[in-house]
Amino acid sequence: MKKKNKGFTLTEMLIVVAIIAILIAIAIPTFTKTLERSREAADLANVRNAYSQVLTAAIWDDTHSPLYQNGTYQLTVRLQQAVDGWTMNTDELNVGGIRYTDDVHWKGKKPRAKGKCRVYYSEGGVYLNWAGEDYINSVSAQDFLTPEALRDIVGDQYKYTVINSNETYGQGEGTQKFLDYAREHGFNLADYGAATWQIYVKENGKNEILKKPAIYWSTVELTDETAGKKVPVMGYRDGKYDVYSALVETYNSGTANQYNSIKNNFANITDSGGNATFQFDSYEEAKAAYDQILKAYQAKGTVEYSDLKNAGLTD
């Protein structure tokens, strides 16, 4: 007589399901890490390719190359990795002989997920900035500082001439609109060290959106204590970088919309016919000058004319 097959009991089925769940829980992190490592390997390969292109263009001094921008050879690689930082061993990171431990040529130790690595040539060597772009370069400016983008953000009827990071929400709502737009497009001004910034939307006293929008920013946090003092400022407009000092002013004093900001600088906006005291073709040169007057500010709590003169920022 055959013995009847009773099949699996409910307890046995639950045990099997639990075992499978445990195996999946163990396998998924391993698979995810392996997948991320493959993305990082692809990013490294793309950056190595960019390194070769930039170095070749620089060696041949090919100023007609599309890699020649703002006075230097550069190429920005969009990263595929989905996690901030590195999952692979940093001892393995090497691009064209530039190792992760090289603090001079390997900049930005923690790349961002879906971020950028800028490969550029300067002073006889190639540099890698894995933090993306720690400044407003021509690509970012073209993406986010165009008349079309500003119309999308604030519209032609926006009544203010400047979008200011320190203004309150009630001040025209331009700041919040810009931040929302930037967030949707993966752009974060904080990545550029900008503690405070201004975007010039219109010429002073005119209604039309600027044909060549500009941005000015400072790494200095502006508080009531900084009001009436001068802070170092950098700017980007029309492919060049400005460096100067600006007075900190209190706007809308005594109202709910009171805030501190760098003084509006319409004279430096191209469409208004003005020119900055000093402009640079490359970010590296501008940043060096900015850092010099920043040190003076940190020592004195303000920037004086002599500090600008010592930095070579006077006529």
Protein backbone atom coordinates (compact mmCIF):
# COMPACT_ATOMS: atom_id res chain seq x y z
CA MET A 1 0.00 0.00 0.00
CA LYS A 2 1.38 3.37 -1.04
CA LYS A 3 2.03 5.97 1.61
CA LYS A 4 0.07 9.14 0.94
CA ASN A 5 2.23 12.28 0.31
CA LYS A 6 1.03 14.96 2.68
CA GLY A 7 3.20 17.78 1.16
CA PHE A 8 4.75 20.64 3.17
CA THR A 9 3.24 21.81 6.39
CA LEU A 10 2.56 25.50 6.99
CA THR A 11 5.46 25.62 9.44
CA GLU A 12 7.83 24.17 6.85
CA MET A 13 6.63 26.69 4.25
CA LEU A 14 7.18 29.58 6.65
CA ILE A 15 10.67 28.32 7.40
CA VAL A 16 11.48 28.14 3.67
CA VAL A 17 10.12 31.66 3.10
CA ALA A 18 12.13 32.97 6.04
CA ILE A 19 15.32 31.36 4.71
CA ILE A 20 14.75 32.87 1.26
CA ALA A 21 14.11 36.30 2.83
CA ILE A 22 17.36 36.03 4.78
CA LEU A 23 19.31 35.06 1.66
CA ILE A 24 17.79 37.99 -0.26
CA ALA A 25 18.62 40.38 2.60
CA ILE A 26 22.22 39.17 2.48
CA ALA A 27 22.47 39.22 -1.32
CA ILE A 28 20.93 42.64 -2.05
CA PRO A 29 23.57 44.76 -0.24
CA THR A 30 26.33 42.71 -1.85
CA PHE A 31 24.75 43.10 -5.29
CA THR A 32 24.16 46.82 -4.72
CA LYS A 33 27.77 47.36 -3.65
CA THR A 34 29.04 45.39 -6.65
CA LEU A 35 26.83 47.42 -8.98
CA GLU A 36 28.06 50.68 -7.43
CA ARG A 37 31.68 49.60 -7.78
CA SER A 38 31.07 48.94 -11.46
CA ARG A 39 29.62 52.45 -11.83
CA GLU A 40 32.64 53.93 -10.10
CA ALA A 41 34.95 51.89 -12.36
CA ALA A 42 33.12 53.29 -15.40
CA ASP A 43 33.48 56.81 -13.98
CA LEU A 44 37.21 56.30 -13.48
CA ALA A 45 37.55 55.07 -17.07
CA ASN A 46 35.69 58.14 -18.37
CA VAL A 47 37.82 60.48 -16.25
CA ARG A 48 41.00 58.78 -17.47
CA ASN A 49 39.82 59.34 -21.04
CA ALA A 50 39.11 63.00 -20.24
CA TYR A 51 42.57 63.27 -18.63
CA SER A 52 44.19 62.03 -21.86
CA GLN A 53 42.20 64.45 -24.00
CA VAL A 54 42.95 67.45 -21.79
CA LEU A 55 46.66 66.62 -21.50
CA THR A 56 46.99 66.09 -25.26
CA ALA A 57 45.27 69.39 -26.06
CA ALA A 58 47.48 71.20 -23.53
CA ILE A 59 50.70 69.62 -24.85
CA TRP A 60 49.83 70.66 -28.40
CA ASP A 61 48.57 74.03 -27.13
CA ASP A 62 45.53 73.57 -29.34
CA THR A 63 43.55 76.74 -28.59
CA HIS A 64 41.09 75.82 -31.35
CA SER A 65 40.09 72.69 -29.46
CA PRO A 66 36.56 72.66 -27.95
CA LEU A 67 38.34 71.78 -24.70
CA TYR A 68 39.85 75.27 -24.57
CA GLN A 69 37.48 77.30 -22.39
CA ASN A 70 38.04 80.40 -20.26
CA GLY A 71 41.77 80.37 -20.84
CA THR A 72 42.43 76.73 -19.99
CA TYR A 73 41.87 73.20 -21.27
CA GLN A 74 39.06 71.43 -19.46
CA LEU A 75 36.46 68.71 -19.74
CA THR A 76 33.66 67.88 -17.32
CA VAL A 77 32.64 64.24 -16.86
CA ARG A 78 29.14 63.44 -15.59
CA LEU A 79 29.34 60.67 -13.01
CA GLN A 80 27.19 57.54 -13.10
CA GLN A 81 27.64 56.57 -9.45
CA ALA A 82 24.46 56.55 -7.38
CA VAL A 83 26.03 56.95 -3.93
CA ASP A 84 28.04 59.86 -2.50
CA GLY A 85 31.69 59.08 -1.81
CA TRP A 86 33.53 55.89 -2.73
CA THR A 87 32.66 52.24 -2.17
CA MET A 88 35.94 50.97 -3.59
CA ASN A 89 39.22 51.13 -1.70
CA THR A 90 40.65 54.64 -2.13
CA ASP A 91 44.16 53.13 -2.34
CA GLU A 92 43.10 51.82 -5.75
CA LEU A 93 42.18 55.27 -7.12
CA ASN A 94 44.67 56.44 -9.74
CA VAL A 95 44.16 58.57 -12.84
CA GLY A 96 47.19 59.22 -15.05
CA GLY A 97 49.51 58.88 -12.08
CA ILE A 98 47.41 61.20 -9.93
CA ARG A 99 46.48 59.31 -6.79
CA TYR A 100 43.69 59.90 -4.30
CA THR A 101 46.31 60.90 -1.71
CA ASP A 102 47.52 63.77 -3.93
CA ASP A 103 45.81 66.75 -2.27
CA VAL A 104 47.13 69.15 -4.89
CA HIS A 105 45.95 67.54 -8.13
CA TRP A 106 43.14 65.33 -6.77
CA LYS A 107 40.54 67.76 -5.47
CA GLY A 108 37.21 66.90 -3.88
CA LYS A 109 37.65 63.68 -1.93
CA LYS A 110 33.93 62.94 -1.85
CA PRO A 111 32.22 62.88 -5.26
CA ARG A 112 28.46 63.35 -5.36
CA ALA A 113 25.98 60.84 -6.69
CA LYS A 114 25.16 61.74 -10.30
CA GLY A 115 27.63 64.59 -9.89
CA LYS A 116 30.54 65.75 -12.02
CA CYS A 117 34.32 65.53 -12.17
CA ARG A 118 36.03 68.47 -13.80
CA VAL A 119 39.36 67.66 -15.46
CA TYR A 120 41.42 70.75 -16.26
CA TYR A 121 44.96 71.88 -17.04
CA SER A 122 46.72 74.55 -15.01
CA GLU A 123 50.32 75.59 -14.37
CA GLY A 124 51.87 72.64 -16.19
CA GLY A 125 49.69 69.91 -14.70
CA VAL A 126 46.29 68.25 -14.89
CA TYR A 127 43.86 68.58 -11.98
CA LEU A 128 40.82 66.48 -11.10
CA ASN A 129 37.96 68.02 -9.16
CA TRP A 130 35.67 65.17 -8.04
CA ALA A 131 33.46 67.56 -6.10
CA GLY A 132 32.10 68.64 -9.45
CA GLU A 133 32.77 72.32 -9.97
CA ASP A 134 33.62 74.35 -6.91
CA TYR A 135 32.82 77.54 -8.78
CA ILE A 136 30.39 78.88 -11.32
CA ASN A 137 31.90 77.90 -14.65
CA SER A 138 30.70 78.59 -18.16
CA VAL A 139 28.68 75.37 -18.36
CA SER A 140 26.79 76.07 -15.14
CA ALA A 141 26.29 79.72 -16.06
CA GLN A 142 24.91 78.78 -19.45
CA ASP A 143 22.56 76.29 -17.79
CA PHE A 144 21.28 78.45 -14.97
CA LEU A 145 22.05 82.07 -15.77
CA THR A 146 20.32 82.60 -19.07
CA PRO A 147 17.44 84.94 -19.91
CA GLU A 148 15.31 81.88 -20.73
CA ALA A 149 15.98 80.25 -17.35
CA LEU A 150 15.26 83.47 -15.48
CA ARG A 151 11.94 83.85 -17.30
CA ASP A 152 11.08 80.29 -16.28
CA ILE A 153 11.93 81.10 -12.67
CA VAL A 154 10.47 84.54 -12.06
CA GLY A 155 8.73 85.56 -15.29
CA ASP A 156 8.92 88.87 -17.10
CA GLN A 157 6.73 90.57 -14.50
CA TYR A 158 9.21 90.07 -11.62
CA LYS A 159 9.55 93.56 -10.17
CA TYR A 160 12.94 93.25 -8.44
CA THR A 161 16.31 93.68 -10.15
CA VAL A 162 18.16 91.15 -7.99
CA ILE A 163 17.43 87.68 -6.60
CA ASN A 164 19.16 87.61 -3.23
CA SER A 165 19.90 84.51 -1.16
CA ASN A 166 19.44 86.38 2.13
CA GLU A 167 16.07 87.93 1.40
CA THR A 168 12.97 86.62 3.12
CA TYR A 169 10.33 84.57 1.35
CA GLY A 170 8.03 87.57 1.25
CA GLN A 171 10.56 89.63 -0.70
CA GLY A 172 9.19 88.85 -4.16
CA GLU A 173 9.60 85.08 -3.68
CA GLY A 174 12.40 85.12 -6.26
CA THR A 175 14.85 83.30 -4.02
CA GLN A 176 12.56 80.38 -3.30
CA LYS A 177 11.61 80.11 -6.95
CA PHE A 178 15.27 80.03 -7.97
CA LEU A 179 16.14 77.43 -5.31
CA ASP A 180 13.20 75.24 -6.37
CA TYR A 181 14.24 75.51 -10.01
CA ALA A 182 17.89 74.78 -9.19
CA ARG A 183 16.96 71.78 -7.03
CA GLU A 184 14.90 70.31 -9.86
CA HIS A 185 17.90 70.67 -12.18
CA GLY A 186 20.47 69.26 -9.72
CA PHE A 187 22.21 72.58 -9.06
CA ASN A 188 23.24 73.70 -5.57
CA LEU A 189 24.98 77.03 -5.03
CA ALA A 190 26.25 75.82 -1.65
CA ASP A 191 28.54 73.47 -3.59
CA TYR A 192 30.44 76.53 -4.75
CA GLY A 193 31.14 77.84 -1.26
CA ALA A 194 28.59 80.62 -1.67
CA ALA A 195 27.34 81.56 1.80
CA THR A 196 25.53 84.52 0.25
CA TRP A 197 24.82 85.31 -3.39
CA GLN A 198 23.02 87.66 -5.75
CA ILE A 199 21.68 86.99 -9.23
CA TYR A 200 21.14 90.08 -11.33
CA VAL A 201 17.88 89.62 -13.21
CA LYS A 202 17.24 93.09 -14.65
CA GLU A 203 19.12 96.31 -15.19
CA ASN A 204 18.58 98.93 -12.52
CA GLY A 205 15.39 100.81 -13.33
CA LYS A 206 14.47 98.64 -16.34
CA ASN A 207 11.91 95.87 -16.74
CA GLU A 208 13.57 93.62 -19.34
CA ILE A 209 15.39 90.44 -18.30
CA LEU A 210 19.16 90.92 -18.68
CA LYS A 211 20.66 89.57 -21.88
CA LYS A 212 23.76 88.57 -19.91
CA PRO A 213 22.73 87.66 -16.36
CA ALA A 214 25.40 87.74 -13.66
CA ILE A 215 25.98 86.22 -10.24
CA TYR A 216 28.04 87.56 -7.33
CA TRP A 217 28.79 85.64 -4.17
CA SER A 218 30.83 85.60 -0.98
CA THR A 219 31.92 82.79 1.30
CA VAL A 220 31.35 85.07 4.31
CA GLU A 221 28.20 84.57 6.37
CA LEU A 222 26.44 87.95 6.66
CA THR A 223 25.01 88.87 10.06
CA ASP A 224 24.11 92.07 11.90
CA GLU A 225 27.75 92.22 13.05
CA THR A 226 28.99 92.40 9.45
CA ALA A 227 26.67 95.28 8.49
CA GLY A 228 28.63 98.38 7.48
CA LYS A 229 31.80 96.36 6.82
CA LYS A 230 33.33 95.20 3.55
CA VAL A 231 33.61 91.54 2.56
CA PRO A 232 35.41 89.81 -0.33
CA VAL A 233 33.22 89.04 -3.35
CA MET A 234 33.58 86.99 -6.51
CA GLY A 235 31.39 87.22 -9.58
CA TYR A 236 30.71 85.47 -12.85
CA ARG A 237 29.32 87.19 -15.94
CA ASP A 238 29.77 86.74 -19.64
CA GLY A 239 32.61 84.22 -19.38
CA LYS A 240 34.79 86.17 -16.92
CA TYR A 241 35.31 86.34 -13.15
CA ASP A 242 35.20 89.50 -11.06
CA VAL A 243 36.94 89.94 -7.71
CA TYR A 244 36.34 92.93 -5.46
CA SER A 245 35.09 93.91 -2.00
CA ALA A 246 31.53 94.99 -1.25
CA LEU A 247 29.85 96.80 1.59
CA VAL A 248 27.35 94.80 3.66
CA GLU A 249 24.06 96.66 3.82
CA THR A 250 20.82 96.11 5.74
CA TYR A 251 17.80 96.10 3.44
CA ASN A 252 14.16 96.68 4.43
CA SER A 253 15.35 97.81 7.87
CA GLY A 254 12.73 97.61 10.59
CA THR A 255 10.33 95.47 8.55
CA ALA A 256 9.46 91.79 8.52
CA ASN A 257 11.56 91.49 5.35
CA GLN A 258 14.79 92.88 6.87
CA TYR A 259 17.99 91.13 5.78
CA ASN A 260 21.73 91.76 5.35
CA SER A 261 23.36 91.44 1.95
CA ILE A 262 26.29 92.62 -0.14
CA LYS A 263 25.54 95.99 -1.71
CA ASN A 264 23.97 95.81 -5.16
CA ASN A 265 26.62 96.37 -7.80
CA PHE A 266 24.83 97.37 -10.98
CA ALA A 267 27.92 99.14 -12.34
CA ASN A 268 29.53 95.73 -12.83
CA ILE A 269 26.74 94.44 -15.04
CA THR A 270 27.68 94.46 -18.72
CA ASP A 271 24.29 95.64 -19.98
CA SER A 272 24.54 98.67 -17.70
CA GLY A 273 27.80 99.73 -19.31
CA GLY A 274 29.99 99.24 -16.23
CA ASN A 275 33.13 97.19 -15.71
CA ALA A 276 34.50 95.53 -12.62
CA THR A 277 37.78 96.87 -11.26
CA PHE A 278 39.40 93.53 -11.96
CA GLN A 279 38.38 90.59 -14.12
CA PHE A 280 40.04 87.25 -14.74
CA ASP A 281 39.69 84.78 -17.58
CA SER A 282 40.10 81.74 -15.33
CA TYR A 283 38.59 80.77 -12.02
CA GLU A 284 41.96 79.69 -10.66
CA GLU A 285 43.42 83.20 -10.99
CA ALA A 286 40.31 84.82 -9.56
CA LYS A 287 40.12 82.42 -6.63
CA ALA A 288 43.77 83.08 -5.72
CA ALA A 289 43.08 86.83 -5.55
CA TYR A 290 39.85 86.25 -3.64
CA ASP A 291 41.60 84.01 -1.09
CA GLN A 292 44.20 86.71 -0.48
CA ILE A 293 41.64 89.38 0.44
CA LEU A 294 39.62 86.76 2.36
CA LYS A 295 42.62 86.27 4.65
CA ALA A 296 42.73 90.02 5.22
CA TYR A 297 39.03 90.01 6.07
CA GLN A 298 39.46 87.13 8.50
CA ALA A 299 42.26 89.03 10.25
CA LYS A 300 40.54 92.45 10.38
CA GLY A 301 36.82 91.78 10.08
CA THR A 302 36.67 93.98 6.97
CA VAL A 303 38.49 94.56 3.67
CA GLU A 304 40.45 97.78 3.24
CA TYR A 305 41.80 99.47 0.12
CA SER A 306 45.33 98.43 1.08
CA ASP A 307 44.22 94.78 1.06
CA LEU A 308 42.93 95.14 -2.50
CA LYS A 309 46.17 96.85 -3.49
CA ASN A 310 48.28 94.08 -1.94
CA ALA A 311 46.25 91.52 -3.93
CA GLY A 312 46.86 93.47 -7.15
CA LEU A 313 43.20 94.45 -7.45
CA THR A 314 43.69 98.19 -7.90
CA ASP A 315 44.72 100.25 -10.91
